């Protein structure tokens, strides 16, 4: 058998993944008045193994919905805005335009039936073909992501993960950029830089003058010492 068994037989696995797929798709459409609405639309939390097995099932359904979108768009050209069972609708139903609409919409209807055979949920099929197909119209694949959670499941310490649809909450890493200095800031910083350079030059000149005065004072101090020693020697001889 291909894939994970997950401790269940074939019929149990199919029913479980059908319910999980419906839960993930139905979480996209949030009712604000519902007390049991999901915290984050388009996301469910499950175990890591189940999330990895559910991902290809959901992505194949989204691909099926994307393939049906062009047929539905082309069929709108021959559709009518009249209400069902009205005189205008009955006239359209007997016209050649209805035959063209029927031939144009037939592939999309077939794909909806295939999706319903997998999900067995009318609301999930409507969300899949009406919202998700339009949302991922320009995306060639990779409609979901699986993210591991740090916390384990209580009871059996199973590895948890969340699976969600991409496209609205993409995780983009922000790169740190150096601040941009404008011309005004440069002109404002120029006087300050000139003042600092002037202060540094004055400090360097003062240190040079101090260094020049230091040897002179040393030589004068040496001369006074020699004269003092000579005088002492003269006094010693006279005695």
Protein backbone atom coordinates (compact mmCIF):
# COMPACT_ATOMS: atom_id res chain seq x y z
CA UNK A 1 0.00 0.00 0.00
CA UNK A 2 1.28 3.48 -0.92
CA UNK A 3 1.35 6.14 1.77
CA UNK A 4 0.72 6.06 5.50
CA UNK A 5 -1.85 3.71 6.98
CA UNK A 6 -2.25 5.81 10.15
CA UNK A 7 -3.64 2.81 12.03
CA UNK A 8 -6.83 2.71 9.94
CA UNK A 9 -8.27 0.64 7.16
CA UNK A 10 -8.93 1.96 3.66
CA UNK A 11 -12.53 3.09 4.13
CA UNK A 12 -11.71 4.77 7.43
CA UNK A 13 -8.81 6.69 5.90
CA UNK A 14 -10.93 7.89 2.96
CA UNK A 15 -13.67 9.12 5.28
CA UNK A 16 -11.17 10.83 7.57
CA UNK A 17 -9.38 12.68 4.75
CA UNK A 18 -12.74 13.62 3.19
CA UNK A 19 -13.80 15.27 6.45
CA UNK A 20 -10.43 16.96 6.91
CA UNK A 21 -10.48 18.32 3.34
CA UNK A 22 -14.00 19.67 3.85
CA UNK A 23 -12.97 21.27 7.15
CA UNK A 24 -9.97 22.98 5.55
CA UNK A 25 -11.95 24.27 2.55
CA UNK A 26 -14.95 25.39 4.59
CA UNK A 27 -12.69 27.32 6.96
CA UNK A 28 -11.96 29.76 4.11
CA UNK A 29 -15.47 31.23 4.31
CA UNK A 30 -15.91 32.69 7.80
CA UNK A 31 -19.22 33.76 9.28
CA UNK A 32 -18.64 36.53 11.82
CA UNK A 33 -21.84 35.65 13.71
CA UNK A 34 -20.80 32.02 14.16
CA UNK A 35 -19.51 31.25 17.66
CA UNK A 36 -17.50 28.30 16.34
CA UNK A 37 -15.79 30.17 13.52
CA UNK A 38 -12.06 29.42 13.02
CA UNK A 39 -9.54 31.79 14.54
CA UNK A 40 -7.59 32.01 11.27
CA UNK A 41 -9.45 31.43 7.95
CA UNK A 42 -8.11 28.68 5.72
CA UNK A 43 -6.19 26.81 8.42
CA UNK A 44 -6.64 23.68 10.53
CA UNK A 45 -4.40 21.99 13.11
CA UNK A 46 -3.78 18.26 13.00
CA UNK A 47 -0.92 15.81 13.39
CA UNK A 48 2.13 16.08 11.17
CA UNK A 49 1.55 12.74 9.42
CA UNK A 50 -2.09 13.56 8.61
CA UNK A 51 -1.17 17.02 7.33
CA UNK A 52 1.41 15.56 4.94
CA UNK A 53 -1.12 13.05 3.60
CA UNK A 54 -3.91 15.64 3.31
CA UNK A 55 -1.86 18.15 1.34
CA UNK A 56 -1.80 16.33 -2.06
CA UNK A 57 -5.52 15.54 -1.78
CA UNK A 58 -6.47 19.19 -1.32
CA UNK A 59 -4.07 20.45 -3.97
CA UNK A 60 -5.49 18.08 -6.58
CA UNK A 61 -8.96 19.43 -5.82
CA UNK A 62 -7.77 23.03 -6.22
CA UNK A 63 -6.14 22.12 -9.54
CA UNK A 64 -9.43 20.59 -10.66
CA UNK A 65 -11.24 23.82 -9.78
CA UNK A 66 -8.65 25.91 -11.64
CA UNK A 67 -9.14 23.83 -14.78
CA UNK A 68 -12.90 24.42 -14.65
CA UNK A 69 -12.60 28.21 -14.37
CA UNK A 70 -11.98 28.94 -18.09
CA UNK A 71 -15.05 26.91 -19.13
CA UNK A 72 -17.25 28.82 -16.70
CA UNK A 73 -15.95 32.13 -18.01
CA UNK A 74 -16.59 31.17 -21.63
CA UNK A 75 -20.11 29.95 -20.77
CA UNK A 76 -21.11 33.34 -19.33
CA UNK A 77 -21.25 34.69 -22.87
CA UNK A 78 -24.32 32.57 -23.62
CA UNK A 79 -25.95 32.72 -20.15
CA UNK A 80 -29.07 34.67 -19.22
CA UNK A 81 -29.86 36.83 -16.19
CA UNK A 82 -33.56 35.84 -16.11
CA UNK A 83 -34.93 33.99 -13.10
CA UNK A 84 -35.63 30.32 -13.43
CA UNK A 85 -39.10 29.26 -14.74
CA UNK A 86 -39.98 32.75 -15.93
CA UNK A 87 -41.20 33.44 -19.46
CA UNK A 88 -37.89 34.98 -20.47
CA UNK A 89 -35.97 32.03 -19.04
CA UNK A 90 -38.21 29.52 -20.85
CA UNK A 91 -37.65 31.36 -24.12
CA UNK A 92 -33.88 31.23 -23.57
CA UNK A 93 -34.16 27.55 -22.63
CA UNK A 94 -35.72 26.74 -26.02
CA UNK A 95 -33.28 28.84 -28.03
CA UNK A 96 -30.02 27.98 -29.74
CA UNK A 97 -28.15 30.10 -27.20
CA UNK A 98 -28.96 27.59 -24.47
CA UNK A 99 -27.39 24.80 -26.54
CA UNK A 100 -24.19 26.83 -26.86
CA UNK A 101 -24.21 27.54 -23.11
CA UNK A 102 -24.78 23.87 -22.37
CA UNK A 103 -21.84 22.77 -24.50
CA UNK A 104 -19.58 25.44 -23.02
CA UNK A 105 -20.42 24.69 -19.38
CA UNK A 106 -20.42 20.88 -19.69
CA UNK A 107 -16.69 20.36 -18.81
CA UNK A 108 -17.02 22.57 -15.72
CA UNK A 109 -20.09 20.64 -14.57
CA UNK A 110 -18.20 17.38 -14.99
CA UNK A 111 -15.33 18.69 -12.84
CA UNK A 112 -17.75 19.87 -10.16
CA UNK A 113 -19.27 16.40 -10.06
CA UNK A 114 -15.83 14.85 -9.70
CA UNK A 115 -15.05 17.19 -6.80
CA UNK A 116 -18.40 16.42 -5.17
CA UNK A 117 -17.66 12.69 -5.45
CA UNK A 118 -14.50 13.31 -3.41
CA UNK A 119 -15.93 15.73 -0.83
CA UNK A 120 -19.66 14.93 -0.64
CA UNK A 121 -20.28 18.49 0.55
CA UNK A 122 -22.04 21.13 -1.53
CA UNK A 123 -20.74 24.09 0.46
CA UNK A 124 -17.13 22.89 0.17
CA UNK A 125 -17.53 22.43 -3.59
CA UNK A 126 -18.95 25.96 -3.97
CA UNK A 127 -16.06 27.48 -2.01
CA UNK A 128 -13.57 25.42 -4.00
CA UNK A 129 -14.84 26.51 -7.43
CA UNK A 130 -16.04 30.02 -6.60
CA UNK A 131 -13.33 31.36 -4.26
CA UNK A 132 -10.23 29.17 -4.29
CA UNK A 133 -10.14 28.76 -8.08
CA UNK A 134 -10.16 32.55 -8.49
CA UNK A 135 -7.66 33.03 -5.67
CA UNK A 136 -5.09 30.67 -7.21
CA UNK A 137 -5.82 31.54 -10.82
CA UNK A 138 -2.21 32.55 -11.58
CA UNK A 139 -0.52 30.04 -9.26
CA UNK A 140 0.62 26.82 -11.00
CA UNK A 141 0.87 24.77 -7.81
CA UNK A 142 1.78 24.75 -4.15
CA UNK A 143 -1.57 25.97 -2.82
CA UNK A 144 -1.02 24.80 0.78
CA UNK A 145 1.79 24.75 3.31
CA UNK A 146 2.49 22.51 6.30
CA UNK A 147 4.13 24.09 9.36
CA UNK A 148 5.29 22.07 12.33
CA UNK A 149 4.23 23.25 15.76
CA UNK A 150 6.49 23.24 18.79
CA UNK A 151 3.78 22.00 21.14
CA UNK A 152 2.85 18.33 21.15
CA UNK A 153 -0.64 16.91 21.49
CA UNK A 154 -1.82 16.24 25.00
CA UNK A 155 -2.31 12.58 25.85
CA UNK A 156 -0.01 10.86 23.38
CA UNK A 157 2.57 13.63 22.73
CA UNK A 158 1.94 13.43 18.97
CA UNK A 159 3.76 15.88 16.70
CA UNK A 160 1.31 18.61 15.68
CA UNK A 161 1.29 20.72 12.55
CA UNK A 162 -0.98 23.21 10.84
CA UNK A 163 -1.96 23.12 7.20
CA UNK A 164 -3.21 26.27 5.52
CA UNK A 165 -3.78 27.86 2.13
CA UNK A 166 -1.06 30.21 0.91
CA UNK A 167 -1.49 33.51 -0.86
CA UNK A 168 -2.68 35.92 1.82
CA UNK A 169 -0.39 35.35 4.81
CA UNK A 170 2.83 34.51 3.02
CA UNK A 171 5.80 34.62 5.34
CA UNK A 172 8.23 37.12 3.84
CA UNK A 173 11.51 37.67 5.63
CA UNK A 174 12.30 41.33 5.94
CA UNK A 175 15.90 42.19 5.19
CA UNK A 176 17.55 44.93 7.19
CA UNK A 177 18.57 47.84 5.00
CA UNK A 178 20.98 50.68 5.67
CA UNK A 179 19.31 54.07 6.22
CA UNK A 180 19.09 56.25 3.13
CA UNK A 181 20.71 59.65 3.58
CA UNK A 182 19.11 62.47 1.58
CA UNK A 183 20.78 65.64 0.29
CA UNK A 184 19.15 67.75 3.02
CA UNK A 185 20.57 65.53 5.74
CA UNK A 186 24.01 65.73 4.15
CA UNK A 187 23.91 69.55 4.10
CA UNK A 188 22.80 69.59 7.73
CA UNK A 189 25.59 67.21 8.75
CA UNK A 190 28.33 69.19 6.89
CA UNK A 191 28.68 72.10 9.42
CA UNK A 192 28.84 69.65 12.29
CA UNK A 193 31.55 67.69 10.49
CA UNK A 194 33.49 70.95 9.82
CA UNK A 195 33.30 71.91 13.50
CA UNK A 196 34.56 68.51 14.56
CA UNK A 197 37.45 68.73 12.09
CA UNK A 198 38.38 72.23 13.39
CA UNK A 199 38.33 70.97 16.97
CA UNK A 200 40.57 68.04 16.05
CA UNK A 201 43.07 70.35 14.27
CA UNK A 202 43.19 72.70 17.30
CA UNK A 203 43.80 69.76 19.60
CA UNK A 204 46.64 68.53 17.37
CA UNK A 205 48.31 72.00 17.31
CA UNK A 206 48.08 72.31 21.09
CA UNK A 207 49.70 68.89 21.54
CA UNK A 208 52.52 69.88 19.14
CA UNK A 209 53.19 73.12 21.06
CA UNK A 210 53.26 71.21 24.33
CA UNK A 211 55.74 68.74 22.86
CA UNK A 212 58.03 71.61 21.69
CA UNK A 213 57.96 73.41 25.04
CA UNK A 214 58.77 70.28 27.01
CA UNK A 215 62.44 69.85 25.71
CA UNK A 216 63.16 73.56 26.26
CA UNK A 217 62.09 73.37 29.89
CA UNK A 218 64.21 70.26 30.31
CA UNK A 219 67.34 71.99 28.94
CA UNK A 220 66.85 75.04 31.20
CA UNK A 221 66.46 72.77 34.18
CA UNK A 222 69.71 71.01 33.20
CA UNK A 223 71.64 74.35 32.98
CA UNK A 224 70.52 75.45 36.42
CA UNK A 225 71.66 72.11 37.82
CA UNK A 226 75.16 72.46 36.31
CA UNK A 227 75.66 76.01 37.65
CA UNK A 228 74.59 74.93 41.11
CA UNK A 229 77.06 72.03 41.13
CA UNK A 230 79.90 74.36 39.94
CA UNK A 231 79.20 76.83 42.74
CA UNK A 232 79.26 74.04 45.30
CA UNK A 233 82.63 72.85 44.02
CA UNK A 234 84.07 76.44 44.27
CA UNK A 235 82.93 76.79 47.86
CA UNK A 236 84.57 73.46 48.68
CA UNK A 237 87.94 74.57 47.31
CA UNK A 238 87.92 77.88 49.17
CA UNK A 239 87.36 76.09 52.41
